[in-house]
Amino acid sequence: MVWFDGGAARFGWLVGNASGLYALIIITLLILLAPPYRRGVPRMGRMGDAALRFSQWGLVLAPVPLVAVWAWGAFRVGRAGLETYAIMLSLGTIAVFAPILLVLMFTAAQWIGRSGAR
C-alpha cells in the first residue's frame, strides 16, 4: 500500500500546510502582543489594557476553528482515506510549523539567558 499517493494524501497535505501557516500566524501575534516580563519594557503598539487582553484571548481561542476544518476534511475524504489524510495532515502541519517554531524557541531562550532572568 502506498499511503502517500492519491487524493486523500494531497488534500491532507494542503489542509496541513494551511493549518500550520494559520497556527504560525497565531503564535507570532501572541508573541508580539505578550505583556513584558519586567517593568520598564515598552509595549508594542498603543493598545489599552482591555483591548490587549481581549485580543490575547481571541488569539488563544483562534485555533478552535482548526478542529472544525480537520473534521470537515476527515468527513470529505471518507473512511477509506482517513488514515492517509491524518498522516499527511500532521506532516503538512509540521513541515510549515516546526522549523520556524524552533528558531523562535532558541531565540527566546537566548534572549532570556542574556537578560539574566532565571
PDB file of N, CA and C in Angstrom:
ATOM      1  N   MET A   1       0.834  -1.182   0.000  1.00  0.00           N
ATOM      2  CA  MET A   1       0.000   0.000   0.000  1.00  0.00           C
ATOM      3  C   MET A   1       0.881   1.250   0.000  1.00  0.00           C
ATOM      4  N   VAL A   2       0.666   2.093  -0.930  1.00  0.00           N
ATOM      5  CA  VAL A   2       1.391   3.356  -0.993  1.00  0.00           C
ATOM      6  C   VAL A   2       0.513   4.403  -0.317  1.00  0.00           C
ATOM      7  N   TRP A   3       0.862   4.777   0.897  1.00  0.00           N
ATOM      8  CA  TRP A   3      -0.012   5.637   1.707  1.00  0.00           C
ATOM      9  C   TRP A   3       0.074   7.103   1.331  1.00  0.00           C
ATOM     10  N   PHE A   4       1.047   7.508   0.551  1.00  0.00           N
ATOM     11  CA  PHE A   4       1.176   8.926   0.211  1.00  0.00           C
ATOM     12  C   PHE A   4       0.698   9.241  -1.199  1.00  0.00           C
ATOM     13  N   ASP A   5      -0.003   8.334  -1.815  1.00  0.00           N
ATOM     14  CA  ASP A   5      -0.478   8.545  -3.177  1.00  0.00           C
ATOM     15  C   ASP A   5      -2.004   8.656  -3.163  1.00  0.00           C
ATOM     16  N   GLY A   6      -2.529   9.592  -3.911  1.00  0.00           N
ATOM     17  CA  GLY A   6      -3.976   9.692  -4.037  1.00  0.00           C
ATOM     18  C   GLY A   6      -4.506  11.038  -3.575  1.00  0.00           C
ATOM     19  N   GLY A   7      -5.816  11.188  -3.738  1.00  0.00           N
ATOM     20  CA  GLY A   7      -6.474  12.447  -3.413  1.00  0.00           C
ATOM     21  C   GLY A   7      -6.483  12.764  -1.929  1.00  0.00           C
ATOM     22  N   ALA A   8      -6.645  11.750  -1.086  1.00  0.00           N
ATOM     23  CA  ALA A   8      -6.675  11.993   0.361  1.00  0.00           C
ATOM     24  C   ALA A   8      -5.324  12.518   0.849  1.00  0.00           C
ATOM     25  N   ALA A   9      -4.254  12.014   0.271  1.00  0.00           N
ATOM     26  CA  ALA A   9      -2.917  12.472   0.671  1.00  0.00           C
ATOM     27  C   ALA A   9      -2.687  13.919   0.251  1.00  0.00           C
ATOM     28  N   ARG A  10      -3.037  14.243  -0.969  1.00  0.00           N
ATOM     29  CA  ARG A  10      -2.856  15.625  -1.432  1.00  0.00           C
ATOM     30  C   ARG A  10      -3.731  16.595  -0.653  1.00  0.00           C
ATOM     31  N   PHE A  11      -4.967  16.183  -0.407  1.00  0.00           N
ATOM     32  CA  PHE A  11      -5.876  17.035   0.352  1.00  0.00           C
ATOM     33  C   PHE A  11      -5.388  17.215   1.791  1.00  0.00           C
ATOM     34  N   GLY A  12      -4.916  16.133   2.417  1.00  0.00           N
ATOM     35  CA  GLY A  12      -4.367  16.222   3.773  1.00  0.00           C
ATOM     36  C   GLY A  12      -3.146  17.121   3.842  1.00  0.00           C
ATOM     37  N   TRP A  13      -2.280  17.022   2.824  1.00  0.00           N
ATOM     38  CA  TRP A  13      -1.089  17.871   2.777  1.00  0.00           C
ATOM     39  C   TRP A  13      -1.483  19.343   2.641  1.00  0.00           C
ATOM     40  N   LEU A  14      -2.453  19.629   1.802  1.00  0.00           N
ATOM     41  CA  LEU A  14      -2.916  21.006   1.603  1.00  0.00           C
ATOM     42  C   LEU A  14      -3.536  21.565   2.880  1.00  0.00           C
ATOM     43  N   VAL A  15      -4.424  20.811   3.497  1.00  0.00           N
ATOM     44  CA  VAL A  15      -5.054  21.269   4.743  1.00  0.00           C
ATOM     45  C   VAL A  15      -4.011  21.387   5.850  1.00  0.00           C
ATOM     46  N   GLY A  16      -3.046  20.484   5.891  1.00  0.00           N
ATOM     47  CA  GLY A  16      -1.974  20.549   6.886  1.00  0.00           C
ATOM     48  C   GLY A  16      -1.104  21.782   6.721  1.00  0.00           C
ATOM     49  N   ASN A  17      -0.746  22.113   5.488  1.00  0.00           N
ATOM     50  CA  ASN A  17       0.053  23.322   5.247  1.00  0.00           C
ATOM     51  C   ASN A  17      -0.713  24.577   5.643  1.00  0.00           C
ATOM     52  N   ALA A  18      -1.997  24.621   5.295  1.00  0.00           N
ATOM     53  CA  ALA A  18      -2.814  25.781   5.675  1.00  0.00           C
ATOM     54  C   ALA A  18      -2.952  25.869   7.197  1.00  0.00           C
ATOM     55  N   SER A  19      -3.117  24.736   7.860  1.00  0.00           N
ATOM     56  CA  SER A  19      -3.233  24.728   9.328  1.00  0.00           C
ATOM     57  C   SER A  19      -1.939  25.186   9.988  1.00  0.00           C
ATOM     58  N   GLY A  20      -0.813  24.724   9.472  1.00  0.00           N
ATOM     59  CA  GLY A  20       0.476  25.139  10.021  1.00  0.00           C
ATOM     60  C   GLY A  20       0.721  26.624   9.853  1.00  0.00           C
ATOM     61  N   LEU A  21       0.364  27.163   8.700  1.00  0.00           N
ATOM     62  CA  LEU A  21       0.522  28.604   8.472  1.00  0.00           C
ATOM     63  C   LEU A  21      -0.385  29.406   9.389  1.00  0.00           C
ATOM     64  N   TYR A  22      -1.624  28.954   9.540  1.00  0.00           N
ATOM     65  CA  TYR A  22      -2.572  29.626  10.433  1.00  0.00           C
ATOM     66  C   TYR A  22      -2.054  29.609  11.880  1.00  0.00           C
ATOM     67  N   ALA A  23      -1.576  28.461  12.337  1.00  0.00           N
ATOM     68  CA  ALA A  23      -1.047  28.358  13.694  1.00  0.00           C
ATOM     69  C   ALA A  23       0.204  29.215  13.874  1.00  0.00           C
ATOM     70  N   LEU A  24       1.029  29.274  12.863  1.00  0.00           N
ATOM     71  CA  LEU A  24       2.245  30.088  12.944  1.00  0.00           C
ATOM     72  C   LEU A  24       1.913  31.570  13.038  1.00  0.00           C
ATOM     73  N   ILE A  25       0.920  32.016  12.315  1.00  0.00           N
ATOM     74  CA  ILE A  25       0.484  33.413  12.403  1.00  0.00           C
ATOM     75  C   ILE A  25      -0.060  33.710  13.801  1.00  0.00           C
ATOM     76  N   ILE A  26      -0.836  32.798  14.357  1.00  0.00           N
ATOM     77  CA  ILE A  26      -1.382  32.990  15.704  1.00  0.00           C
ATOM     78  C   ILE A  26      -0.260  33.072  16.730  1.00  0.00           C
ATOM     79  N   ILE A  27       0.714  32.186  16.639  1.00  0.00           N
ATOM     80  CA  ILE A  27       1.826  32.203  17.596  1.00  0.00           C
ATOM     81  C   ILE A  27       2.637  33.483  17.466  1.00  0.00           C
ATOM     82  N   THR A  28       2.885  33.930  16.254  1.00  0.00           N
ATOM     83  CA  THR A  28       3.627  35.172  16.049  1.00  0.00           C
ATOM     84  C   THR A  28       2.885  36.357  16.659  1.00  0.00           C
ATOM     85  N   LEU A  29       1.577  36.424  16.458  1.00  0.00           N
ATOM     86  CA  LEU A  29       0.794  37.511  17.054  1.00  0.00           C
ATOM     87  C   LEU A  29       0.757  37.420  18.571  1.00  0.00           C
ATOM     88  N   LEU A  30       0.686  36.208  19.121  1.00  0.00           N
ATOM     89  CA  LEU A  30       0.730  36.057  20.574  1.00  0.00           C
ATOM     90  C   LEU A  30       2.063  36.545  21.141  1.00  0.00           C
ATOM     91  N   ILE A  31       3.142  36.267  20.447  1.00  0.00           N
ATOM     92  CA  ILE A  31       4.458  36.738  20.902  1.00  0.00           C
ATOM     93  C   ILE A  31       4.528  38.259  20.824  1.00  0.00           C
ATOM     94  N   LEU A  32       4.025  38.830  19.750  1.00  0.00           N
ATOM     95  CA  LEU A  32       4.083  40.287  19.592  1.00  0.00           C
ATOM     96  C   LEU A  32       3.206  41.019  20.609  1.00  0.00           C
ATOM     97  N   LEU A  33       2.087  40.418  20.995  1.00  0.00           N
ATOM     98  CA  LEU A  33       1.167  41.072  21.920  1.00  0.00           C
ATOM     99  C   LEU A  33       1.350  40.643  23.367  1.00  0.00           C
ATOM    100  N   ALA A  34       2.349  39.836  23.651  1.00  0.00           N
ATOM    101  CA  ALA A  34       2.573  39.362  25.019  1.00  0.00           C
ATOM    102  C   ALA A  34       2.988  40.517  25.924  1.00  0.00           C
ATOM    103  N   PRO A  35       2.538  40.480  27.165  1.00  0.00           N
ATOM    104  CA  PRO A  35       2.956  41.533  28.092  1.00  0.00           C
ATOM    105  C   PRO A  35       4.440  41.371  28.436  1.00  0.00           C
ATOM    106  N   PRO A  36       5.112  42.466  28.750  1.00  0.00           N
ATOM    107  CA  PRO A  36       6.539  42.370  29.096  1.00  0.00           C
ATOM    108  C   PRO A  36       6.732  41.588  30.389  1.00  0.00           C
ATOM    109  N   TYR A  37       7.856  40.922  30.508  1.00  0.00           N
ATOM    110  CA  TYR A  37       8.116  40.111  31.696  1.00  0.00           C
ATOM    111  C   TYR A  37       8.792  40.902  32.817  1.00  0.00           C
ATOM    112  N   ARG A  38       9.071  42.155  32.578  1.00  0.00           N
ATOM    113  CA  ARG A  38       9.592  43.020  33.649  1.00  0.00           C
ATOM    114  C   ARG A  38       9.125  44.442  33.393  1.00  0.00           C
ATOM    115  N   ARG A  39       9.155  45.265  34.420  1.00  0.00           N
ATOM    116  CA  ARG A  39       8.713  46.654  34.297  1.00  0.00           C
ATOM    117  C   ARG A  39       9.721  47.463  33.495  1.00  0.00           C
ATOM    118  N   GLY A  40       9.220  48.482  32.831  1.00  0.00           N
ATOM    119  CA  GLY A  40      10.091  49.372  32.084  1.00  0.00           C
ATOM    120  C   GLY A  40      10.287  48.983  30.628  1.00  0.00           C
ATOM    121  N   VAL A  41       9.786  47.828  30.229  1.00  0.00           N
ATOM    122  CA  VAL A  41       9.903  47.407  28.834  1.00  0.00           C
ATOM    123  C   VAL A  41       8.684  47.945  28.091  1.00  0.00           C
ATOM    124  N   PRO A  42       8.901  48.718  27.028  1.00  0.00           N
ATOM    125  CA  PRO A  42       7.744  49.289  26.325  1.00  0.00           C
ATOM    126  C   PRO A  42       6.951  48.209  25.585  1.00  0.00           C
ATOM    127  N   ARG A  43       5.637  48.418  25.536  1.00  0.00           N
ATOM    128  CA  ARG A  43       4.762  47.505  24.808  1.00  0.00           C
ATOM    129  C   ARG A  43       4.737  47.866  23.337  1.00  0.00           C
ATOM    130  N   MET A  44       4.442  46.873  22.541  1.00  0.00           N
ATOM    131  CA  MET A  44       4.299  47.126  21.114  1.00  0.00           C
ATOM    132  C   MET A  44       2.913  47.705  20.854  1.00  0.00           C
ATOM    133  N   GLY A  45       2.834  48.734  20.071  1.00  0.00           N
ATOM    134  CA  GLY A  45       1.549  49.329  19.738  1.00  0.00           C
ATOM    135  C   GLY A  45       1.030  50.228  20.841  1.00  0.00           C
ATOM    136  N   ARG A  46      -0.146  50.762  20.644  1.00  0.00           N
ATOM    137  CA  ARG A  46      -0.751  51.680  21.613  1.00  0.00           C
ATOM    138  C   ARG A  46      -2.094  51.155  22.087  1.00  0.00           C
ATOM    139  N   MET A  47      -2.165  49.892  22.348  1.00  0.00           N
ATOM    140  CA  MET A  47      -3.408  49.287  22.796  1.00  0.00           C
ATOM    141  C   MET A  47      -3.576  49.490  24.289  1.00  0.00           C
ATOM    142  N   GLY A  48      -4.809  49.680  24.708  1.00  0.00           N
ATOM    143  CA  GLY A  48      -5.098  49.749  26.128  1.00  0.00           C
ATOM    144  C   GLY A  48      -5.090  48.352  26.729  1.00  0.00           C
ATOM    145  N   ASP A  49      -5.157  48.298  28.051  1.00  0.00           N
ATOM    146  CA  ASP A  49      -5.111  47.002  28.720  1.00  0.00           C
ATOM    147  C   ASP A  49      -6.297  46.123  28.354  1.00  0.00           C
ATOM    148  N   ALA A  50      -7.489  46.702  28.276  1.00  0.00           N
ATOM    149  CA  ALA A  50      -8.677  45.908  27.961  1.00  0.00           C
ATOM    150  C   ALA A  50      -8.620  45.379  26.523  1.00  0.00           C
ATOM    151  N   ALA A  51      -8.210  46.221  25.590  1.00  0.00           N
ATOM    152  CA  ALA A  51      -8.110  45.785  24.194  1.00  0.00           C
ATOM    153  C   ALA A  51      -7.029  44.728  24.023  1.00  0.00           C
ATOM    154  N   LEU A  52      -5.929  44.883  24.736  1.00  0.00           N
ATOM    155  CA  LEU A  52      -4.852  43.909  24.668  1.00  0.00           C
ATOM    156  C   LEU A  52      -5.305  42.570  25.234  1.00  0.00           C
ATOM    157  N   ARG A  53      -5.987  42.589  26.363  1.00  0.00           N
ATOM    158  CA  ARG A  53      -6.487  41.355  26.978  1.00  0.00           C
ATOM    159  C   ARG A  53      -7.500  40.661  26.057  1.00  0.00           C
ATOM    160  N   PHE A  54      -8.392  41.454  25.444  1.00  0.00           N
ATOM    161  CA  PHE A  54      -9.385  40.912  24.520  1.00  0.00           C
ATOM    162  C   PHE A  54      -8.712  40.268  23.308  1.00  0.00           C
ATOM    163  N   SER A  55      -7.715  40.954  22.748  1.00  0.00           N
ATOM    164  CA  SER A  55      -7.039  40.399  21.573  1.00  0.00           C
ATOM    165  C   SER A  55      -6.248  39.147  21.923  1.00  0.00           C
ATOM    166  N   GLN A  56      -5.644  39.101  23.123  1.00  0.00           N
ATOM    167  CA  GLN A  56      -4.907  37.910  23.522  1.00  0.00           C
ATOM    168  C   GLN A  56      -5.844  36.717  23.704  1.00  0.00           C
ATOM    169  N   TRP A  57      -7.002  36.934  24.318  1.00  0.00           N
ATOM    170  CA  TRP A  57      -7.959  35.836  24.464  1.00  0.00           C
ATOM    171  C   TRP A  57      -8.494  35.406  23.108  1.00  0.00           C
ATOM    172  N   GLY A  58      -8.691  36.354  22.207  1.00  0.00           N
ATOM    173  CA  GLY A  58      -9.112  35.999  20.852  1.00  0.00           C
ATOM    174  C   GLY A  58      -8.083  35.134  20.147  1.00  0.00           C
ATOM    175  N   LEU A  59      -6.803  35.459  20.343  1.00  0.00           N
ATOM    176  CA  LEU A  59      -5.749  34.668  19.724  1.00  0.00           C
ATOM    177  C   LEU A  59      -5.586  33.307  20.395  1.00  0.00           C
ATOM    178  N   VAL A  60      -5.846  33.225  21.694  1.00  0.00           N
ATOM    179  CA  VAL A  60      -5.776  31.939  22.379  1.00  0.00           C
ATOM    180  C   VAL A  60      -6.882  31.011  21.880  1.00  0.00           C
ATOM    181  N   LEU A  61      -8.058  31.565  21.628  1.00  0.00           N
ATOM    182  CA  LEU A  61      -9.191  30.761  21.156  1.00  0.00           C
ATOM    183  C   LEU A  61      -9.205  30.580  19.637  1.00  0.00           C
ATOM    184  N   ALA A  62      -8.313  31.234  18.919  1.00  0.00           N
ATOM    185  CA  ALA A  62      -8.295  31.163  17.453  1.00  0.00           C
ATOM    186  C   ALA A  62      -8.036  29.765  16.894  1.00  0.00           C
ATOM    187  N   PRO A  63      -7.287  28.887  17.558  1.00  0.00           N
ATOM    188  CA  PRO A  63      -7.095  27.544  16.996  1.00  0.00           C
ATOM    189  C   PRO A  63      -8.332  26.645  17.044  1.00  0.00           C
ATOM    190  N   VAL A  64      -9.360  27.041  17.756  1.00  0.00           N
ATOM    191  CA  VAL A  64     -10.556  26.206  17.857  1.00  0.00           C
ATOM    192  C   VAL A  64     -11.173  25.901  16.486  1.00  0.00           C
ATOM    193  N   PRO A  65     -11.242  26.863  15.554  1.00  0.00           N
ATOM    194  CA  PRO A  65     -11.789  26.518  14.226  1.00  0.00           C
ATOM    195  C   PRO A  65     -10.982  25.472  13.464  1.00  0.00           C
ATOM    196  N   LEU A  66      -9.715  25.283  13.834  1.00  0.00           N
ATOM    197  CA  LEU A  66      -8.927  24.250  13.164  1.00  0.00           C
ATOM    198  C   LEU A  66      -9.535  22.866  13.367  1.00  0.00           C
ATOM    199  N   VAL A  67     -10.095  22.619  14.534  1.00  0.00           N
ATOM    200  CA  VAL A  67     -10.719  21.323  14.799  1.00  0.00           C
ATOM    201  C   VAL A  67     -11.876  21.099  13.820  1.00  0.00           C
ATOM    202  N   ALA A  68     -12.646  22.142  13.575  1.00  0.00           N
ATOM    203  CA  ALA A  68     -13.754  22.030  12.620  1.00  0.00           C
ATOM    204  C   ALA A  68     -13.239  21.784  11.204  1.00  0.00           C
ATOM    205  N   VAL A  69     -12.168  22.445  10.819  1.00  0.00           N
ATOM    206  CA  VAL A  69     -11.602  22.250   9.481  1.00  0.00           C
ATOM    207  C   VAL A  69     -11.055  20.833   9.338  1.00  0.00           C
ATOM    208  N   TRP A  70     -10.379  20.335  10.369  1.00  0.00           N
ATOM    209  CA  TRP A  70      -9.846  18.975  10.318  1.00  0.00           C
ATOM    210  C   TRP A  70     -10.969  17.946  10.249  1.00  0.00           C
ATOM    211  N   ALA A  71     -12.033  18.163  11.018  1.00  0.00           N
ATOM    212  CA  ALA A  71     -13.172  17.238  10.995  1.00  0.00           C
ATOM    213  C   ALA A  71     -13.872  17.291   9.634  1.00  0.00           C
ATOM    214  N   TRP A  72     -14.011  18.477   9.069  1.00  0.00           N
ATOM    215  CA  TRP A  72     -14.611  18.609   7.742  1.00  0.00           C
ATOM    216  C   TRP A  72     -13.779  17.858   6.713  1.00  0.00           C
ATOM    217  N   GLY A  73     -12.455  17.995   6.791  1.00  0.00           N
ATOM    218  CA  GLY A  73     -11.582  17.284   5.866  1.00  0.00           C
ATOM    219  C   GLY A  73     -11.689  15.779   6.025  1.00  0.00           C
ATOM    220  N   ALA A  74     -11.782  15.311   7.265  1.00  0.00           N
ATOM    221  CA  ALA A  74     -11.933  13.874   7.501  1.00  0.00           C
ATOM    222  C   ALA A  74     -13.261  13.373   6.941  1.00  0.00           C
ATOM    223  N   PHE A  75     -14.296  14.172   7.071  1.00  0.00           N
ATOM    224  CA  PHE A  75     -15.590  13.803   6.519  1.00  0.00           C
ATOM    225  C   PHE A  75     -15.528  13.754   4.991  1.00  0.00           C
ATOM    226  N   ARG A  76     -14.796  14.683   4.384  1.00  0.00           N
ATOM    227  CA  ARG A  76     -14.708  14.756   2.925  1.00  0.00           C
ATOM    228  C   ARG A  76     -13.952  13.564   2.327  1.00  0.00           C
ATOM    229  N   VAL A  77     -12.886  13.112   2.977  1.00  0.00           N
ATOM    230  CA  VAL A  77     -12.118  12.002   2.409  1.00  0.00           C
ATOM    231  C   VAL A  77     -12.790  10.664   2.670  1.00  0.00           C
ATOM    232  N   GLY A  78     -13.631  10.583   3.658  1.00  0.00           N
ATOM    233  CA  GLY A  78     -14.328   9.338   3.946  1.00  0.00           C
ATOM    234  C   GLY A  78     -13.495   8.385   4.774  1.00  0.00           C
ATOM    235  N   ARG A  79     -14.093   7.263   5.046  1.00  0.00           N
ATOM    236  CA  ARG A  79     -13.460   6.291   5.928  1.00  0.00           C
ATOM    237  C   ARG A  79     -12.251   5.616   5.289  1.00  0.00           C
ATOM    238  N   ALA A  80     -12.294   5.425   3.978  1.00  0.00           N
ATOM    239  CA  ALA A  80     -11.212   4.717   3.295  1.00  0.00           C
ATOM    240  C   ALA A  80      -9.905   5.525   3.294  1.00  0.00           C
ATOM    241  N   GLY A  81      -9.998   6.843   3.181  1.00  0.00           N
ATOM    242  CA  GLY A  81      -8.792   7.666   3.114  1.00  0.00           C
ATOM    243  C   GLY A  81      -8.451   8.374   4.402  1.00  0.00           C
ATOM    244  N   LEU A  82      -9.113   8.007   5.487  1.00  0.00           N
ATOM    245  CA  LEU A  82      -8.923   8.728   6.750  1.00  0.00           C
ATOM    246  C   LEU A  82      -7.505   8.590   7.295  1.00  0.00           C
ATOM    247  N   GLU A  83      -6.943   7.405   7.220  1.00  0.00           N
ATOM    248  CA  GLU A  83      -5.589   7.199   7.734  1.00  0.00           C
ATOM    249  C   GLU A  83      -4.576   8.017   6.944  1.00  0.00           C
ATOM    250  N   THR A  84      -4.691   7.973   5.626  1.00  0.00           N
ATOM    251  CA  THR A  84      -3.792   8.748   4.764  1.00  0.00           C
ATOM    252  C   THR A  84      -3.955  10.238   5.007  1.00  0.00           C
ATOM    253  N   TYR A  85      -5.195  10.677   5.134  1.00  0.00           N
ATOM    254  CA  TYR A  85      -5.480  12.089   5.396  1.00  0.00           C
ATOM    255  C   TYR A  85      -4.841  12.531   6.717  1.00  0.00           C
ATOM    256  N   ALA A  86      -4.999  11.736   7.771  1.00  0.00           N
ATOM    257  CA  ALA A  86      -4.458  12.106   9.083  1.00  0.00           C
ATOM    258  C   ALA A  86      -2.934  12.169   9.068  1.00  0.00           C
ATOM    259  N   ILE A  87      -2.301  11.217   8.393  1.00  0.00           N
ATOM    260  CA  ILE A  87      -0.836  11.209   8.324  1.00  0.00           C
ATOM    261  C   ILE A  87      -0.333  12.430   7.565  1.00  0.00           C
ATOM    262  N   MET A  88      -0.919  12.697   6.417  1.00  0.00           N
ATOM    263  CA  MET A  88      -0.454  13.825   5.608  1.00  0.00           C
ATOM    264  C   MET A  88      -0.840  15.169   6.222  1.00  0.00           C
ATOM    265  N   LEU A  89      -1.953  15.209   6.941  1.00  0.00           N
ATOM    266  CA  LEU A  89      -2.339  16.428   7.663  1.00  0.00           C
ATOM    267  C   LEU A  89      -1.285  16.781   8.700  1.00  0.00           C
ATOM    268  N   SER A  90      -0.870  15.791   9.481  1.00  0.00           N
ATOM    269  CA  SER A  90       0.137  16.066  10.508  1.00  0.00           C
ATOM    270  C   SER A  90       1.495  16.399   9.894  1.00  0.00           C
ATOM    271  N   LEU A  91       1.882  15.699   8.845  1.00  0.00           N
ATOM    272  CA  LEU A  91       3.162  16.013   8.196  1.00  0.00           C
ATOM    273  C   LEU A  91       3.147  17.393   7.543  1.00  0.00           C
ATOM    274  N   GLY A  92       2.029  17.752   6.938  1.00  0.00           N
ATOM    275  CA  GLY A  92       1.923  19.076   6.330  1.00  0.00           C
ATOM    276  C   GLY A  92       1.979  20.191   7.354  1.00  0.00           C
ATOM    277  N   THR A  93       1.336  19.966   8.497  1.00  0.00           N
ATOM    278  CA  THR A  93       1.371  20.968   9.567  1.00  0.00           C
ATOM    279  C   THR A  93       2.778  21.105  10.128  1.00  0.00           C
ATOM    280  N   ILE A  94       3.423  19.992  10.369  1.00  0.00           N
ATOM    281  CA  ILE A  94       4.777  20.020  10.930  1.00  0.00           C
ATOM    282  C   ILE A  94       5.769  20.653   9.958  1.00  0.00           C
ATOM    283  N   ALA A  95       5.607  20.408   8.673  1.00  0.00           N
ATOM    284  CA  ALA A  95       6.540  20.943   7.676  1.00  0.00           C
ATOM    285  C   ALA A  95       6.572  22.461   7.681  1.00  0.00           C
ATOM    286  N   VAL A  96       5.438  23.092   7.936  1.00  0.00           N
ATOM    287  CA  VAL A  96       5.378  24.553   7.964  1.00  0.00           C
ATOM    288  C   VAL A  96       5.722  25.085   9.354  1.00  0.00           C
ATOM    289  N   PHE A  97       5.236  24.433  10.355  1.00  0.00           N
ATOM    290  CA  PHE A  97       5.230  24.936  11.720  1.00  0.00           C
ATOM    291  C   PHE A  97       6.567  24.747  12.447  1.00  0.00           C
ATOM    292  N   ALA A  98       7.140  23.573  12.350  1.00  0.00           N
ATOM    293  CA  ALA A  98       8.290  23.208  13.182  1.00  0.00           C
ATOM    294  C   ALA A  98       9.550  24.037  12.947  1.00  0.00           C
ATOM    295  N   PRO A  99      10.010  24.255  11.723  1.00  0.00           N
ATOM    296  CA  PRO A  99      11.273  24.985  11.574  1.00  0.00           C
ATOM    297  C   PRO A  99      11.236  26.399  12.155  1.00  0.00           C
ATOM    298  N   ILE A 100      10.160  27.106  11.917  1.00  0.00           N
ATOM    299  CA  ILE A 100      10.087  28.477  12.417  1.00  0.00           C
ATOM    300  C   ILE A 100       9.876  28.490  13.926  1.00  0.00           C
ATOM    301  N   LEU A 101       9.118  27.540  14.438  1.00  0.00           N
ATOM    302  CA  LEU A 101       8.915  27.460  15.882  1.00  0.00           C
ATOM    303  C   LEU A 101      10.228  27.148  16.598  1.00  0.00           C
ATOM    304  N   LEU A 102      11.055  26.297  16.026  1.00  0.00           N
ATOM    305  CA  LEU A 102      12.357  26.010  16.629  1.00  0.00           C
ATOM    306  C   LEU A 102      13.237  27.258  16.674  1.00  0.00           C
ATOM    307  N   VAL A 103      13.234  28.029  15.603  1.00  0.00           N
ATOM    308  CA  VAL A 103      14.006  29.278  15.589  1.00  0.00           C
ATOM    309  C   VAL A 103      13.494  30.221  16.675  1.00  0.00           C
ATOM    310  N   LEU A 104      12.168  30.344  16.803  1.00  0.00           N
ATOM    311  CA  LEU A 104      11.598  31.209  17.838  1.00  0.00           C
ATOM    312  C   LEU A 104      11.966  30.730  19.239  1.00  0.00           C
ATOM    313  N   MET A 105      11.935  29.428  19.457  1.00  0.00           N
ATOM    314  CA  MET A 105      12.273  28.901  20.782  1.00  0.00           C
ATOM    315  C   MET A 105      13.726  29.180  21.143  1.00  0.00           C
ATOM    316  N   PHE A 106      14.639  28.924  20.214  1.00  0.00           N
ATOM    317  CA  PHE A 106      16.053  29.154  20.506  1.00  0.00           C
ATOM    318  C   PHE A 106      16.364  30.642  20.665  1.00  0.00           C
ATOM    319  N   THR A 107      15.709  31.488  19.888  1.00  0.00           N
ATOM    320  CA  THR A 107      15.907  32.926  20.023  1.00  0.00           C
ATOM    321  C   THR A 107      15.400  33.417  21.373  1.00  0.00           C
ATOM    322  N   ALA A 108      14.219  32.957  21.779  1.00  0.00           N
ATOM    323  CA  ALA A 108      13.683  33.357  23.080  1.00  0.00           C
ATOM    324  C   ALA A 108      14.578  32.868  24.220  1.00  0.00           C
ATOM    325  N   ALA A 109      15.072  31.660  24.118  1.00  0.00           N
ATOM    326  CA  ALA A 109      15.965  31.136  25.160  1.00  0.00           C
ATOM    327  C   ALA A 109      17.243  31.964  25.242  1.00  0.00           C
ATOM    328  N   GLN A 110      17.767  32.390  24.113  1.00  0.00           N
ATOM    329  CA  GLN A 110      18.976  33.206  24.120  1.00  0.00           C
ATOM    330  C   GLN A 110      18.711  34.574  24.750  1.00  0.00           C
ATOM    331  N   TRP A 111      17.572  35.186  24.424  1.00  0.00           N
ATOM    332  CA  TRP A 111      17.238  36.492  24.995  1.00  0.00           C
ATOM    333  C   TRP A 111      17.047  36.396  26.501  1.00  0.00           C
ATOM    334  N   ILE A 112      16.357  35.392  26.944  1.00  0.00           N
ATOM    335  CA  ILE A 112      16.108  35.225  28.383  1.00  0.00           C
ATOM    336  C   ILE A 112      17.429  34.931  29.105  1.00  0.00           C
ATOM    337  N   GLY A 113      18.274  34.115  28.489  1.00  0.00           N
ATOM    338  CA  GLY A 113      19.572  33.830  29.100  1.00  0.00           C
ATOM    339  C   GLY A 113      20.456  35.048  29.180  1.00  0.00           C
ATOM    340  N   ARG A 114      20.428  35.904  28.142  1.00  0.00           N
ATOM    341  CA  ARG A 114      21.229  37.118  28.157  1.00  0.00           C
ATOM    342  C   ARG A 114      20.753  38.133  29.179  1.00  0.00           C
ATOM    343  N   SER A 115      19.442  38.172  29.410  1.00  0.00           N
ATOM    344  CA  SER A 115      18.906  39.161  30.342  1.00  0.00           C
ATOM    345  C   SER A 115      19.064  38.737  31.795  1.00  0.00           C
ATOM    346  N   GLY A 116      19.455  37.506  32.014  1.00  0.00           N
ATOM    347  CA  GLY A 116      19.674  37.035  33.384  1.00  0.00           C
ATOM    348  C   GLY A 116      18.385  36.679  34.105  1.00  0.00           C
ATOM    349  N   ALA A 117      17.300  36.490  33.401  1.00  0.00           N
ATOM    350  CA  ALA A 117      16.037  36.110  34.029  1.00  0.00           C
ATOM    351  C   ALA A 117      16.049  34.611  34.279  1.00  0.00           C
ATOM    352  N   ARG A 118      15.981  34.259  35.558  1.00  0.00           N
ATOM    353  CA  ARG A 118      16.020  32.826  35.903  1.00  0.00           C
ATOM    354  C   ARG A 118      14.959  32.492  36.877  1.00  0.00           C
TER     355      ARG A 118
END
